[in-house]
Amino acid sequence: LYGIIIGRMTFASFWAAAKDSIVTTATVMLILIAAHMINPF
């Protein structure tokens, strides 16, 4: 909301931020999947 108000939040910057968030989330999930594979061993 702040980015939109001051005119700094463009669709391109929003899309870039969204992609970064997806990459971070996917990275964490892959780490947790690996953890669940290692724990039984």
PDB file of all heavy atoms in Angstrom:
ATOM      1  N   LEU A   1       0.832  -1.206   0.000  1.00  0.00           N
ATOM      2  CA  LEU A   1       0.000   0.000   0.000  1.00  0.00           C
ATOM      3  C   LEU A   1       0.865   1.254   0.000  1.00  0.00           C
ATOM      4  O   LEU A   1       0.605   2.211  -0.755  1.00  0.00           O
ATOM      5  CB  LEU A   1      -0.926  -0.009   1.226  1.00  0.00           C
ATOM      6  CG  LEU A   1      -1.867   1.191   1.375  1.00  0.00           C
ATOM      7  CD1 LEU A   1      -2.832   1.267   0.193  1.00  0.00           C
ATOM      8  CD2 LEU A   1      -2.648   1.100   2.684  1.00  0.00           C
ATOM      9  N   TYR A   2       1.919   1.254   0.830  1.00  0.00           N
ATOM     10  CA  TYR A   2       2.820   2.408   0.878  1.00  0.00           C
ATOM     11  C   TYR A   2       3.510   2.621  -0.459  1.00  0.00           C
ATOM     12  O   TYR A   2       3.651   3.748  -0.943  1.00  0.00           O
ATOM     13  CB  TYR A   2       3.857   2.192   1.991  1.00  0.00           C
ATOM     14  CG  TYR A   2       4.894   3.288   2.083  1.00  0.00           C
ATOM     15  CD1 TYR A   2       4.569   4.536   2.603  1.00  0.00           C
ATOM     16  CD2 TYR A   2       6.212   3.071   1.657  1.00  0.00           C
ATOM     17  CE1 TYR A   2       5.521   5.538   2.693  1.00  0.00           C
ATOM     18  CE2 TYR A   2       7.158   4.065   1.740  1.00  0.00           C
ATOM     19  CZ  TYR A   2       6.814   5.294   2.259  1.00  0.00           C
ATOM     20  OH  TYR A   2       7.750   6.295   2.333  1.00  0.00           O
ATOM     21  N   GLY A   3       3.947   1.521  -1.081  1.00  0.00           N
ATOM     22  CA  GLY A   3       4.592   1.626  -2.389  1.00  0.00           C
ATOM     23  C   GLY A   3       3.675   2.202  -3.444  1.00  0.00           C
ATOM     24  O   GLY A   3       4.097   2.988  -4.306  1.00  0.00           O
ATOM     25  N   ILE A   4       2.403   1.825  -3.398  1.00  0.00           N
ATOM     26  CA  ILE A   4       1.434   2.362  -4.356  1.00  0.00           C
ATOM     27  C   ILE A   4       1.204   3.849  -4.117  1.00  0.00           C
ATOM     28  O   ILE A   4       1.162   4.653  -5.060  1.00  0.00           O
ATOM     29  CB  ILE A   4       0.103   1.584  -4.261  1.00  0.00           C
ATOM     30  CG1 ILE A   4       0.297   0.141  -4.735  1.00  0.00           C
ATOM     31  CG2 ILE A   4      -0.991   2.274  -5.092  1.00  0.00           C
ATOM     32  CD1 ILE A   4      -0.912  -0.740  -4.516  1.00  0.00           C
ATOM     33  N   ILE A   5       1.089   4.235  -2.841  1.00  0.00           N
ATOM     34  CA  ILE A   5       0.810   5.635  -2.500  1.00  0.00           C
ATOM     35  C   ILE A   5       1.936   6.547  -2.972  1.00  0.00           C
ATOM     36  O   ILE A   5       1.687   7.631  -3.519  1.00  0.00           O
ATOM     37  CB  ILE A   5       0.580   5.784  -0.979  1.00  0.00           C
ATOM     38  CG1 ILE A   5      -0.734   5.107  -0.583  1.00  0.00           C
ATOM     39  CG2 ILE A   5       0.562   7.263  -0.574  1.00  0.00           C
ATOM     40  CD1 ILE A   5      -0.969   5.064   0.915  1.00  0.00           C
ATOM     41  N   ILE A   6       3.186   6.140  -2.774  1.00  0.00           N
ATOM     42  CA  ILE A   6       4.307   7.005  -3.150  1.00  0.00           C
ATOM     43  C   ILE A   6       4.726   6.793  -4.612  1.00  0.00           C
ATOM     44  O   ILE A   6       5.655   7.433  -5.092  1.00  0.00           O
ATOM     45  CB  ILE A   6       5.531   6.791  -2.234  1.00  0.00           C
ATOM     46  CG1 ILE A   6       6.105   5.377  -2.410  1.00  0.00           C
ATOM     47  CG2 ILE A   6       5.157   7.060  -0.777  1.00  0.00           C
ATOM     48  CD1 ILE A   6       7.399   5.165  -1.652  1.00  0.00           C
ATOM     49  N   GLY A   7       4.045   5.883  -5.306  1.00  0.00           N
ATOM     50  CA  GLY A   7       4.318   5.683  -6.719  1.00  0.00           C
ATOM     51  C   GLY A   7       5.528   4.842  -7.035  1.00  0.00           C
ATOM     52  O   GLY A   7       6.010   4.839  -8.167  1.00  0.00           O
ATOM     53  N   ARG A   8       6.048   4.088  -6.037  1.00  0.00           N
ATOM     54  CA  ARG A   8       7.233   3.265  -6.272  1.00  0.00           C
ATOM     55  C   ARG A   8       6.878   1.805  -6.596  1.00  0.00           C
ATOM     56  O   ARG A   8       7.725   1.053  -7.053  1.00  0.00           O
ATOM     57  CB  ARG A   8       8.136   3.285  -5.031  1.00  0.00           C
ATOM     58  CG  ARG A   8       8.712   4.655  -4.696  1.00  0.00           C
ATOM     59  CD  ARG A   8       9.891   4.976  -5.592  1.00  0.00           C
ATOM     60  NE  ARG A   8      10.525   6.232  -5.216  1.00  0.00           N
ATOM     61  CZ  ARG A   8      11.479   6.345  -4.306  1.00  0.00           C
ATOM     62  NH1 ARG A   8      11.906   5.273  -3.671  1.00  0.00           N
ATOM     63  NH2 ARG A   8      12.006   7.516  -4.028  1.00  0.00           N
ATOM     64  N   MET A   9       5.645   1.398  -6.304  1.00  0.00           N
ATOM     65  CA  MET A   9       5.255   0.014  -6.520  1.00  0.00           C
ATOM     66  C   MET A   9       4.638  -0.151  -7.901  1.00  0.00           C
ATOM     67  O   MET A   9       3.465   0.133  -8.117  1.00  0.00           O
ATOM     68  CB  MET A   9       4.253  -0.442  -5.437  1.00  0.00           C
ATOM     69  CG  MET A   9       3.743  -1.869  -5.615  1.00  0.00           C
ATOM     70  SD  MET A   9       5.038  -3.117  -5.542  1.00  0.00           S
ATOM     71  CE  MET A   9       5.407  -3.085  -3.787  1.00  0.00           C
ATOM     72  N   THR A  10       5.456  -0.560  -8.851  1.00  0.00           N
ATOM     73  CA  THR A  10       4.970  -0.837 -10.198  1.00  0.00           C
ATOM     74  C   THR A  10       4.629  -2.322 -10.315  1.00  0.00           C
ATOM     75  O   THR A  10       4.978  -3.125  -9.439  1.00  0.00           O
ATOM     76  CB  THR A  10       6.040  -0.484 -11.232  1.00  0.00           C
ATOM     77  OG1 THR A  10       7.188  -1.325 -11.029  1.00  0.00           O
ATOM     78  CG2 THR A  10       6.459   0.986 -11.104  1.00  0.00           C
ATOM     79  N   PHE A  11       3.966  -2.685 -11.396  1.00  0.00           N
ATOM     80  CA  PHE A  11       3.649  -4.097 -11.594  1.00  0.00           C
ATOM     81  C   PHE A  11       4.932  -4.921 -11.722  1.00  0.00           C
ATOM     82  O   PHE A  11       5.011  -6.045 -11.215  1.00  0.00           O
ATOM     83  CB  PHE A  11       2.783  -4.272 -12.845  1.00  0.00           C
ATOM     84  CG  PHE A  11       2.426  -5.702 -13.115  1.00  0.00           C
ATOM     85  CD1 PHE A  11       1.428  -6.334 -12.392  1.00  0.00           C
ATOM     86  CD2 PHE A  11       3.123  -6.438 -14.073  1.00  0.00           C
ATOM     87  CE1 PHE A  11       1.114  -7.670 -12.627  1.00  0.00           C
ATOM     88  CE2 PHE A  11       2.818  -7.773 -14.309  1.00  0.00           C
ATOM     89  CZ  PHE A  11       1.804  -8.389 -13.588  1.00  0.00           C
ATOM     90  N   ALA A  12       5.950  -4.358 -12.378  1.00  0.00           N
ATOM     91  CA  ALA A  12       7.207  -5.082 -12.559  1.00  0.00           C
ATOM     92  C   ALA A  12       7.890  -5.352 -11.217  1.00  0.00           C
ATOM     93  O   ALA A  12       8.382  -6.462 -10.963  1.00  0.00           O
ATOM     94  CB  ALA A  12       8.139  -4.292 -13.467  1.00  0.00           C
ATOM     95  N   SER A  13       7.924  -4.345 -10.337  1.00  0.00           N
ATOM     96  CA  SER A  13       8.563  -4.540  -9.031  1.00  0.00           C
ATOM     97  C   SER A  13       7.746  -5.498  -8.161  1.00  0.00           C
ATOM     98  O   SER A  13       8.305  -6.305  -7.412  1.00  0.00           O
ATOM     99  CB  SER A  13       8.740  -3.197  -8.323  1.00  0.00           C
ATOM    100  OG  SER A  13       7.495  -2.570  -8.099  1.00  0.00           O
ATOM    101  N   PHE A  14       6.408  -5.404  -8.262  1.00  0.00           N
ATOM    102  CA  PHE A  14       5.560  -6.332  -7.509  1.00  0.00           C
ATOM    103  C   PHE A  14       5.786  -7.775  -7.976  1.00  0.00           C
ATOM    104  O   PHE A  14       5.893  -8.702  -7.163  1.00  0.00           O
ATOM    105  CB  PHE A  14       4.086  -5.948  -7.686  1.00  0.00           C
ATOM    106  CG  PHE A  14       3.133  -6.902  -7.016  1.00  0.00           C
ATOM    107  CD1 PHE A  14       2.874  -6.814  -5.654  1.00  0.00           C
ATOM    108  CD2 PHE A  14       2.505  -7.906  -7.744  1.00  0.00           C
ATOM    109  CE1 PHE A  14       2.008  -7.711  -5.033  1.00  0.00           C
ATOM    110  CE2 PHE A  14       1.644  -8.802  -7.130  1.00  0.00           C
ATOM    111  CZ  PHE A  14       1.391  -8.700  -5.777  1.00  0.00           C
ATOM    112  N   TRP A  15       5.887  -7.967  -9.285  1.00  0.00           N
ATOM    113  CA  TRP A  15       6.099  -9.303  -9.834  1.00  0.00           C
ATOM    114  C   TRP A  15       7.460  -9.848  -9.410  1.00  0.00           C
ATOM    115  O   TRP A  15       7.587 -11.036  -9.080  1.00  0.00           O
ATOM    116  CB  TRP A  15       5.982  -9.245 -11.349  1.00  0.00           C
ATOM    117  CG  TRP A  15       6.091 -10.583 -12.027  1.00  0.00           C
ATOM    118  CD1 TRP A  15       7.104 -11.018 -12.829  1.00  0.00           C
ATOM    119  CD2 TRP A  15       5.163 -11.673 -11.941  1.00  0.00           C
ATOM    120  NE1 TRP A  15       6.865 -12.300 -13.258  1.00  0.00           N
ATOM    121  CE2 TRP A  15       5.684 -12.737 -12.729  1.00  0.00           C
ATOM    122  CE3 TRP A  15       3.958 -11.853 -11.277  1.00  0.00           C
ATOM    123  CZ2 TRP A  15       5.028 -13.946 -12.868  1.00  0.00           C
ATOM    124  CZ3 TRP A  15       3.307 -13.073 -11.415  1.00  0.00           C
ATOM    125  CH2 TRP A  15       3.830 -14.094 -12.199  1.00  0.00           C
ATOM    126  N   ALA A  16       8.484  -8.987  -9.410  1.00  0.00           N
ATOM    127  CA  ALA A  16       9.821  -9.420  -8.983  1.00  0.00           C
ATOM    128  C   ALA A  16       9.814  -9.838  -7.516  1.00  0.00           C
ATOM    129  O   ALA A  16      10.419 -10.845  -7.136  1.00  0.00           O
ATOM    130  CB  ALA A  16      10.829  -8.293  -9.212  1.00  0.00           C
ATOM    131  N   ALA A  17       9.126  -9.056  -6.680  1.00  0.00           N
ATOM    132  CA  ALA A  17       9.032  -9.390  -5.256  1.00  0.00           C
ATOM    133  C   ALA A  17       8.280 -10.699  -5.058  1.00  0.00           C
ATOM    134  O   ALA A  17       8.644 -11.522  -4.205  1.00  0.00           O
ATOM    135  CB  ALA A  17       8.343  -8.260  -4.498  1.00  0.00           C
ATOM    136  N   ALA A  18       7.221 -10.902  -5.829  1.00  0.00           N
ATOM    137  CA  ALA A  18       6.442 -12.133  -5.722  1.00  0.00           C
ATOM    138  C   ALA A  18       7.295 -13.345  -6.095  1.00  0.00           C
ATOM    139  O   ALA A  18       7.246 -14.389  -5.433  1.00  0.00           O
ATOM    140  CB  ALA A  18       5.208 -12.052  -6.616  1.00  0.00           C
ATOM    141  N   LYS A  19       8.091 -13.216  -7.160  1.00  0.00           N
ATOM    142  CA  LYS A  19       8.957 -14.325  -7.569  1.00  0.00           C
ATOM    143  C   LYS A  19      10.006 -14.626  -6.496  1.00  0.00           C
ATOM    144  O   LYS A  19      10.291 -15.794  -6.203  1.00  0.00           O
ATOM    145  CB  LYS A  19       9.634 -13.994  -8.903  1.00  0.00           C
ATOM    146  CG  LYS A  19       8.702 -14.047 -10.102  1.00  0.00           C
ATOM    147  CD  LYS A  19       9.465 -14.052 -11.421  1.00  0.00           C
ATOM    148  CE  LYS A  19      10.206 -12.748 -11.634  1.00  0.00           C
ATOM    149  NZ  LYS A  19      10.888 -12.716 -12.953  1.00  0.00           N
ATOM    150  N   ASP A  20      10.573 -13.571  -5.892  1.00  0.00           N
ATOM    151  CA  ASP A  20      11.545 -13.782  -4.816  1.00  0.00           C
ATOM    152  C   ASP A  20      10.904 -14.518  -3.641  1.00  0.00           C
ATOM    153  O   ASP A  20      11.518 -15.411  -3.028  1.00  0.00           O
ATOM    154  CB  ASP A  20      12.113 -12.440  -4.338  1.00  0.00           C
ATOM    155  CG  ASP A  20      13.118 -11.864  -5.318  1.00  0.00           C
ATOM    156  OD1 ASP A  20      13.581 -12.615  -6.190  1.00  0.00           O
ATOM    157  OD2 ASP A  20      13.424 -10.658  -5.213  1.00  0.00           O
ATOM    158  N   SER A  21       9.674 -14.147  -3.315  1.00  0.00           N
ATOM    159  CA  SER A  21       8.962 -14.795  -2.209  1.00  0.00           C
ATOM    160  C   SER A  21       8.714 -16.267  -2.509  1.00  0.00           C
ATOM    161  O   SER A  21       8.835 -17.130  -1.632  1.00  0.00           O
ATOM    162  CB  SER A  21       7.631 -14.084  -1.944  1.00  0.00           C
ATOM    163  OG  SER A  21       7.851 -12.746  -1.572  1.00  0.00           O
ATOM    164  N   ILE A  22       8.342 -16.568  -3.762  1.00  0.00           N
ATOM    165  CA  ILE A  22       8.095 -17.955  -4.153  1.00  0.00           C
ATOM    166  C   ILE A  22       9.382 -18.778  -4.048  1.00  0.00           C
ATOM    167  O   ILE A  22       9.376 -19.906  -3.546  1.00  0.00           O
ATOM    168  CB  ILE A  22       7.531 -18.012  -5.583  1.00  0.00           C
ATOM    169  CG1 ILE A  22       6.110 -17.434  -5.607  1.00  0.00           C
ATOM    170  CG2 ILE A  22       7.516 -19.442  -6.114  1.00  0.00           C
ATOM    171  CD1 ILE A  22       5.547 -17.236  -6.997  1.00  0.00           C
ATOM    172  N   VAL A  23      10.492 -18.200  -4.506  1.00  0.00           N
ATOM    173  CA  VAL A  23      11.775 -18.914  -4.442  1.00  0.00           C
ATOM    174  C   VAL A  23      12.150 -19.194  -2.992  1.00  0.00           C
ATOM    175  O   VAL A  23      12.581 -20.308  -2.643  1.00  0.00           O
ATOM    176  CB  VAL A  23      12.879 -18.095  -5.142  1.00  0.00           C
ATOM    177  CG1 VAL A  23      14.255 -18.695  -4.857  1.00  0.00           C
ATOM    178  CG2 VAL A  23      12.633 -18.052  -6.643  1.00  0.00           C
ATOM    179  N   THR A  24      11.992 -18.189  -2.119  1.00  0.00           N
ATOM    180  CA  THR A  24      12.321 -18.371  -0.698  1.00  0.00           C
ATOM    181  C   THR A  24      11.452 -19.455  -0.075  1.00  0.00           C
ATOM    182  O   THR A  24      11.933 -20.333   0.649  1.00  0.00           O
ATOM    183  CB  THR A  24      12.140 -17.052   0.064  1.00  0.00           C
ATOM    184  OG1 THR A  24      12.994 -16.062  -0.500  1.00  0.00           O
ATOM    185  CG2 THR A  24      12.475 -17.227   1.537  1.00  0.00           C
ATOM    186  N   THR A  25      10.145 -19.405  -0.354  1.00  0.00           N
ATOM    187  CA  THR A  25       9.225 -20.388   0.207  1.00  0.00           C
ATOM    188  C   THR A  25       9.553 -21.790  -0.290  1.00  0.00           C
ATOM    189  O   THR A  25       9.569 -22.756   0.490  1.00  0.00           O
ATOM    190  CB  THR A  25       7.777 -20.026  -0.171  1.00  0.00           C
ATOM    191  OG1 THR A  25       7.495 -18.707   0.276  1.00  0.00           O
ATOM    192  CG2 THR A  25       6.789 -20.997   0.468  1.00  0.00           C
ATOM    193  N   ALA A  26       9.821 -21.916  -1.589  1.00  0.00           N
ATOM    194  CA  ALA A  26      10.158 -23.222  -2.152  1.00  0.00           C
ATOM    195  C   ALA A  26      11.447 -23.766  -1.551  1.00  0.00           C
ATOM    196  O   ALA A  26      11.559 -24.969  -1.276  1.00  0.00           O
ATOM    197  CB  ALA A  26      10.281 -23.114  -3.672  1.00  0.00           C
ATOM    198  N   THR A  27      12.410 -22.877  -1.331  1.00  0.00           N
ATOM    199  CA  THR A  27      13.678 -23.298  -0.723  1.00  0.00           C
ATOM    200  C   THR A  27      13.455 -23.865   0.671  1.00  0.00           C
ATOM    201  O   THR A  27      13.982 -24.931   1.026  1.00  0.00           O
ATOM    202  CB  THR A  27      14.657 -22.111  -0.659  1.00  0.00           C
ATOM    203  OG1 THR A  27      14.879 -21.604  -1.966  1.00  0.00           O
ATOM    204  CG2 THR A  27      15.983 -22.538  -0.046  1.00  0.00           C
ATOM    205  N   VAL A  28      12.661 -23.151   1.472  1.00  0.00           N
ATOM    206  CA  VAL A  28      12.370 -23.614   2.836  1.00  0.00           C
ATOM    207  C   VAL A  28      11.650 -24.957   2.802  1.00  0.00           C
ATOM    208  O   VAL A  28      11.949 -25.874   3.576  1.00  0.00           O
ATOM    209  CB  VAL A  28      11.535 -22.557   3.587  1.00  0.00           C
ATOM    210  CG1 VAL A  28      11.042 -23.108   4.924  1.00  0.00           C
ATOM    211  CG2 VAL A  28      12.360 -21.295   3.815  1.00  0.00           C
ATOM    212  N   MET A  29      10.669 -25.106   1.900  1.00  0.00           N
ATOM    213  CA  MET A  29       9.908 -26.348   1.828  1.00  0.00           C
ATOM    214  C   MET A  29      10.798 -27.521   1.420  1.00  0.00           C
ATOM    215  O   MET A  29      10.655 -28.633   1.943  1.00  0.00           O
ATOM    216  CB  MET A  29       8.749 -26.193   0.844  1.00  0.00           C
ATOM    217  CG  MET A  29       7.678 -25.206   1.288  1.00  0.00           C
ATOM    218  SD  MET A  29       7.058 -25.531   2.955  1.00  0.00           S
ATOM    219  CE  MET A  29       6.355 -27.157   2.747  1.00  0.00           C
ATOM    220  N   LEU A  30      11.731 -27.291   0.481  1.00  0.00           N
ATOM    221  CA  LEU A  30      12.641 -28.359   0.085  1.00  0.00           C
ATOM    222  C   LEU A  30      13.544 -28.782   1.242  1.00  0.00           C
ATOM    223  O   LEU A  30      13.848 -29.965   1.418  1.00  0.00           O
ATOM    224  CB  LEU A  30      13.495 -27.911  -1.106  1.00  0.00           C
ATOM    225  CG  LEU A  30      12.759 -27.846  -2.456  1.00  0.00           C
ATOM    226  CD1 LEU A  30      13.646 -27.202  -3.515  1.00  0.00           C
ATOM    227  CD2 LEU A  30      12.343 -29.239  -2.909  1.00  0.00           C
ATOM    228  N   ILE A  31      13.972 -27.788   2.043  1.00  0.00           N
ATOM    229  CA  ILE A  31      14.791 -28.092   3.223  1.00  0.00           C
ATOM    230  C   ILE A  31      14.001 -28.961   4.198  1.00  0.00           C
ATOM    231  O   ILE A  31      14.503 -29.951   4.743  1.00  0.00           O
ATOM    232  CB  ILE A  31      15.258 -26.793   3.902  1.00  0.00           C
ATOM    233  CG1 ILE A  31      16.287 -26.080   3.021  1.00  0.00           C
ATOM    234  CG2 ILE A  31      15.856 -27.088   5.274  1.00  0.00           C
ATOM    235  CD1 ILE A  31      16.622 -24.681   3.491  1.00  0.00           C
ATOM    236  N   LEU A  32      12.728 -28.620   4.408  1.00  0.00           N
ATOM    237  CA  LEU A  32      11.896 -29.374   5.345  1.00  0.00           C
ATOM    238  C   LEU A  32      11.599 -30.775   4.811  1.00  0.00           C
ATOM    239  O   LEU A  32      11.543 -31.742   5.582  1.00  0.00           O
ATOM    240  CB  LEU A  32      10.598 -28.611   5.605  1.00  0.00           C
ATOM    241  CG  LEU A  32      10.767 -27.254   6.301  1.00  0.00           C
ATOM    242  CD1 LEU A  32       9.433 -26.549   6.444  1.00  0.00           C
ATOM    243  CD2 LEU A  32      11.420 -27.428   7.668  1.00  0.00           C
ATOM    244  N   ILE A  33      11.411 -30.894   3.491  1.00  0.00           N
ATOM    245  CA  ILE A  33      11.211 -32.223   2.901  1.00  0.00           C
ATOM    246  C   ILE A  33      12.445 -33.091   3.145  1.00  0.00           C
ATOM    247  O   ILE A  33      12.332 -34.268   3.527  1.00  0.00           O
ATOM    248  CB  ILE A  33      10.927 -32.093   1.388  1.00  0.00           C
ATOM    249  CG1 ILE A  33       9.535 -31.474   1.163  1.00  0.00           C
ATOM    250  CG2 ILE A  33      10.996 -33.464   0.701  1.00  0.00           C
ATOM    251  CD1 ILE A  33       9.265 -31.090  -0.270  1.00  0.00           C
ATOM    252  N   ALA A  34      13.626 -32.501   2.945  1.00  0.00           N
ATOM    253  CA  ALA A  34      14.868 -33.238   3.198  1.00  0.00           C
ATOM    254  C   ALA A  34      14.968 -33.659   4.664  1.00  0.00           C
ATOM    255  O   ALA A  34      15.416 -34.767   4.980  1.00  0.00           O
ATOM    256  CB  ALA A  34      16.071 -32.385   2.805  1.00  0.00           C
ATOM    257  N   ALA A  35      14.532 -32.761   5.551  1.00  0.00           N
ATOM    258  CA  ALA A  35      14.585 -33.074   6.987  1.00  0.00           C
ATOM    259  C   ALA A  35      13.708 -34.281   7.314  1.00  0.00           C
ATOM    260  O   ALA A  35      14.098 -35.173   8.078  1.00  0.00           O
ATOM    261  CB  ALA A  35      14.142 -31.868   7.790  1.00  0.00           C
ATOM    262  N   HIS A  36      12.512 -34.321   6.725  1.00  0.00           N
ATOM    263  CA  HIS A  36      11.610 -35.447   6.989  1.00  0.00           C
ATOM    264  C   HIS A  36      12.133 -36.747   6.387  1.00  0.00           C
ATOM    265  O   HIS A  36      11.755 -37.837   6.833  1.00  0.00           O
ATOM    266  CB  HIS A  36      10.211 -35.131   6.443  1.00  0.00           C
ATOM    267  CG  HIS A  36       9.474 -34.122   7.261  1.00  0.00           C
ATOM    268  ND1 HIS A  36       9.085 -34.347   8.565  1.00  0.00           N
ATOM    269  CD2 HIS A  36       9.068 -32.860   6.979  1.00  0.00           C
ATOM    270  CE1 HIS A  36       8.465 -33.289   9.048  1.00  0.00           C
ATOM    271  NE2 HIS A  36       8.443 -32.357   8.108  1.00  0.00           N
ATOM    272  N   MET A  37      12.997 -36.659   5.398  1.00  0.00           N
ATOM    273  CA  MET A  37      13.617 -37.861   4.840  1.00  0.00           C
ATOM    274  C   MET A  37      14.772 -38.350   5.716  1.00  0.00           C
ATOM    275  O   MET A  37      15.009 -39.545   5.849  1.00  0.00           O
ATOM    276  CB  MET A  37      14.124 -37.578   3.422  1.00  0.00           C
ATOM    277  CG  MET A  37      13.023 -37.296   2.405  1.00  0.00           C
ATOM    278  SD  MET A  37      13.674 -36.753   0.806  1.00  0.00           S
ATOM    279  CE  MET A  37      14.576 -38.220   0.298  1.00  0.00           C
ATOM    280  N   ILE A  38      15.485 -37.385   6.320  1.00  0.00           N
ATOM    281  CA  ILE A  38      16.662 -37.735   7.123  1.00  0.00           C
ATOM    282  C   ILE A  38      16.265 -38.249   8.506  1.00  0.00           C
ATOM    283  O   ILE A  38      16.879 -39.182   9.043  1.00  0.00           O
ATOM    284  CB  ILE A  38      17.595 -36.517   7.251  1.00  0.00           C
ATOM    285  CG1 ILE A  38      18.210 -36.180   5.879  1.00  0.00           C
ATOM    286  CG2 ILE A  38      18.696 -36.758   8.268  1.00  0.00           C
ATOM    287  CD1 ILE A  38      18.988 -34.884   5.872  1.00  0.00           C
ATOM    288  N   ASN A  39      15.220 -37.655   9.102  1.00  0.00           N
ATOM    289  CA  ASN A  39      14.854 -37.989  10.484  1.00  0.00           C
ATOM    290  C   ASN A  39      14.577 -39.481  10.701  1.00  0.00           C
ATOM    291  O   ASN A  39      15.058 -40.060  11.688  1.00  0.00           O
ATOM    292  CB  ASN A  39      13.657 -37.148  10.920  1.00  0.00           C
ATOM    293  CG  ASN A  39      14.034 -35.704  11.156  1.00  0.00           C
ATOM    294  OD1 ASN A  39      15.214 -35.362  11.179  1.00  0.00           O
ATOM    295  ND2 ASN A  39      13.045 -34.835  11.312  1.00  0.00           N
ATOM    296  N   PRO A  40      13.792 -40.151   9.833  1.00  0.00           N
ATOM    297  CA  PRO A  40      13.572 -41.588  10.062  1.00  0.00           C
ATOM    298  C   PRO A  40      14.871 -42.394  10.023  1.00  0.00           C
ATOM    299  O   PRO A  40      15.056 -43.333  10.805  1.00  0.00           O
ATOM    300  CB  PRO A  40      12.638 -41.990   8.903  1.00  0.00           C
ATOM    301  CG  PRO A  40      11.959 -40.723   8.503  1.00  0.00           C
ATOM    302  CD  PRO A  40      12.977 -39.649   8.713  1.00  0.00           C
ATOM    303  N   PHE A  41      15.784 -42.027   9.116  1.00  0.00           N
ATOM    304  CA  PHE A  41      17.068 -42.725   9.039  1.00  0.00           C
ATOM    305  C   PHE A  41      17.840 -42.570  10.343  1.00  0.00           C
ATOM    306  O   PHE A  41      18.393 -43.544  10.871  1.00  0.00           O
ATOM    307  CB  PHE A  41      17.885 -42.176   7.871  1.00  0.00           C
ATOM    308  CG  PHE A  41      19.328 -42.607   7.899  1.00  0.00           C
ATOM    309  CD1 PHE A  41      19.700 -43.892   7.529  1.00  0.00           C
ATOM    310  CD2 PHE A  41      20.317 -41.727   8.320  1.00  0.00           C
ATOM    311  CE1 PHE A  41      21.026 -44.290   7.569  1.00  0.00           C
ATOM    312  CE2 PHE A  41      21.640 -42.121   8.364  1.00  0.00           C
ATOM    313  CZ  PHE A  41      22.000 -43.407   7.988  1.00  0.00           C
TER     314      PHE A  41
END
